[in-house]
Amino acid sequence: MNEMKPEERIIGQMNNSLYFTIPADVVAQLNLKKGETLTVKLQDGEIVASPKKKTTTIEDVQAIDQMIDKYMAAMQYLEDK
């Protein structure tokens, strides 16, 4: 991932919350999308915001298992070609 030089941002306010925008370069490099969750913490007097790690649920694993079962014969057929 490319390091970028620091950019200044203006703090805005919406209702009772303060906000700032994320530079487009950062959005692109981290492949951030609207609606995703960031983890925000204070570390050594600085704000650190990180994309929330996506976790795999048991439902995800079950869906993958079902897909593998459904297409196993086709995958084995292709493997033999």
Protein backbone atom coordinates (compact mmCIF):
# COMPACT_ATOMS: atom_id res chain seq x y z
CA MET A 1 0.00 0.00 0.00
CA ASN A 2 1.34 3.41 -0.94
CA GLU A 3 2.12 5.90 1.78
CA MET A 4 0.58 9.30 1.20
CA LYS A 5 1.61 12.63 2.54
CA PRO A 6 -0.65 14.05 5.25
CA GLU A 7 -3.61 16.13 4.12
CA GLU A 8 -5.47 18.68 6.20
CA ARG A 9 -9.21 18.22 6.64
CA ILE A 10 -11.83 20.60 8.02
CA ILE A 11 -14.03 19.27 10.80
CA GLY A 12 -17.72 19.67 9.99
CA GLN A 13 -20.78 19.21 12.16
CA MET A 14 -24.05 17.45 11.54
CA ASN A 15 -26.51 17.63 14.43
CA ASN A 16 -24.49 16.68 17.53
CA SER A 17 -21.74 14.81 15.65
CA LEU A 18 -18.47 16.08 14.25
CA TYR A 19 -17.05 14.59 11.06
CA PHE A 20 -14.27 14.88 8.51
CA THR A 21 -13.96 13.49 5.00
CA ILE A 22 -11.59 10.72 3.96
CA PRO A 23 -9.24 11.59 1.07
CA ALA A 24 -10.14 9.87 -2.22
CA ASP A 25 -6.67 8.27 -2.42
CA VAL A 26 -7.23 6.57 0.93
CA VAL A 27 -10.73 5.44 -0.09
CA ALA A 28 -9.31 3.91 -3.28
CA GLN A 29 -6.32 2.23 -1.65
CA LEU A 30 -8.47 0.66 1.09
CA ASN A 31 -11.36 -0.05 -1.31
CA LEU A 32 -13.79 1.59 1.11
CA LYS A 33 -17.47 1.66 0.25
CA LYS A 34 -20.38 3.72 1.55
CA GLY A 35 -22.00 2.01 4.52
CA GLU A 36 -18.89 0.10 5.64
CA THR A 37 -17.85 0.26 9.27
CA LEU A 38 -14.68 1.89 10.56
CA THR A 39 -13.19 1.23 13.97
CA VAL A 40 -12.14 4.56 15.52
CA LYS A 41 -9.82 4.90 18.49
CA LEU A 42 -7.58 7.43 20.17
CA GLN A 43 -3.94 6.35 20.15
CA ASP A 44 -1.09 8.46 21.49
CA GLY A 45 -3.21 11.60 21.08
CA GLU A 46 -4.13 10.83 17.46
CA ILE A 47 -7.34 9.61 15.87
CA VAL A 48 -6.85 6.21 14.21
CA ALA A 49 -9.62 4.92 11.94
CA SER A 50 -9.36 1.43 10.46
CA PRO A 51 -11.74 -0.56 8.28
CA LYS A 52 -13.51 -3.13 10.43
CA LYS A 53 -12.16 -6.56 9.73
CA LYS A 54 -14.68 -8.71 7.96
CA THR A 55 -15.40 -11.88 9.90
CA THR A 56 -16.55 -15.16 8.47
CA THR A 57 -19.74 -16.42 10.04
CA ILE A 58 -20.92 -20.01 10.34
CA GLU A 59 -23.57 -19.12 7.76
CA ASP A 60 -20.82 -18.07 5.33
CA VAL A 61 -19.02 -21.39 5.83
CA GLN A 62 -22.25 -23.35 5.37
CA ALA A 63 -23.03 -21.49 2.14
CA ILE A 64 -19.55 -22.26 0.81
CA ASP A 65 -19.91 -25.92 1.78
CA GLN A 66 -23.25 -26.11 -0.05
CA MET A 67 -21.74 -24.55 -3.16
CA ILE A 68 -18.82 -26.99 -3.11
CA ASP A 69 -21.21 -29.93 -2.68
CA LYS A 70 -23.38 -28.66 -5.55
CA TYR A 71 -20.49 -28.29 -7.99
CA MET A 72 -18.09 -31.03 -6.79
CA ALA A 73 -18.85 -33.39 -9.68
CA ALA A 74 -18.24 -30.63 -12.23
CA MET A 75 -14.99 -29.60 -10.53
CA GLN A 76 -13.77 -33.22 -10.51
CA TYR A 77 -14.74 -33.61 -14.18
CA LEU A 78 -12.78 -30.47 -15.10
CA GLU A 79 -9.81 -31.54 -13.00
CA ASP A 80 -9.50 -34.73 -15.07
CA LYS A 81 -9.36 -32.78 -18.38
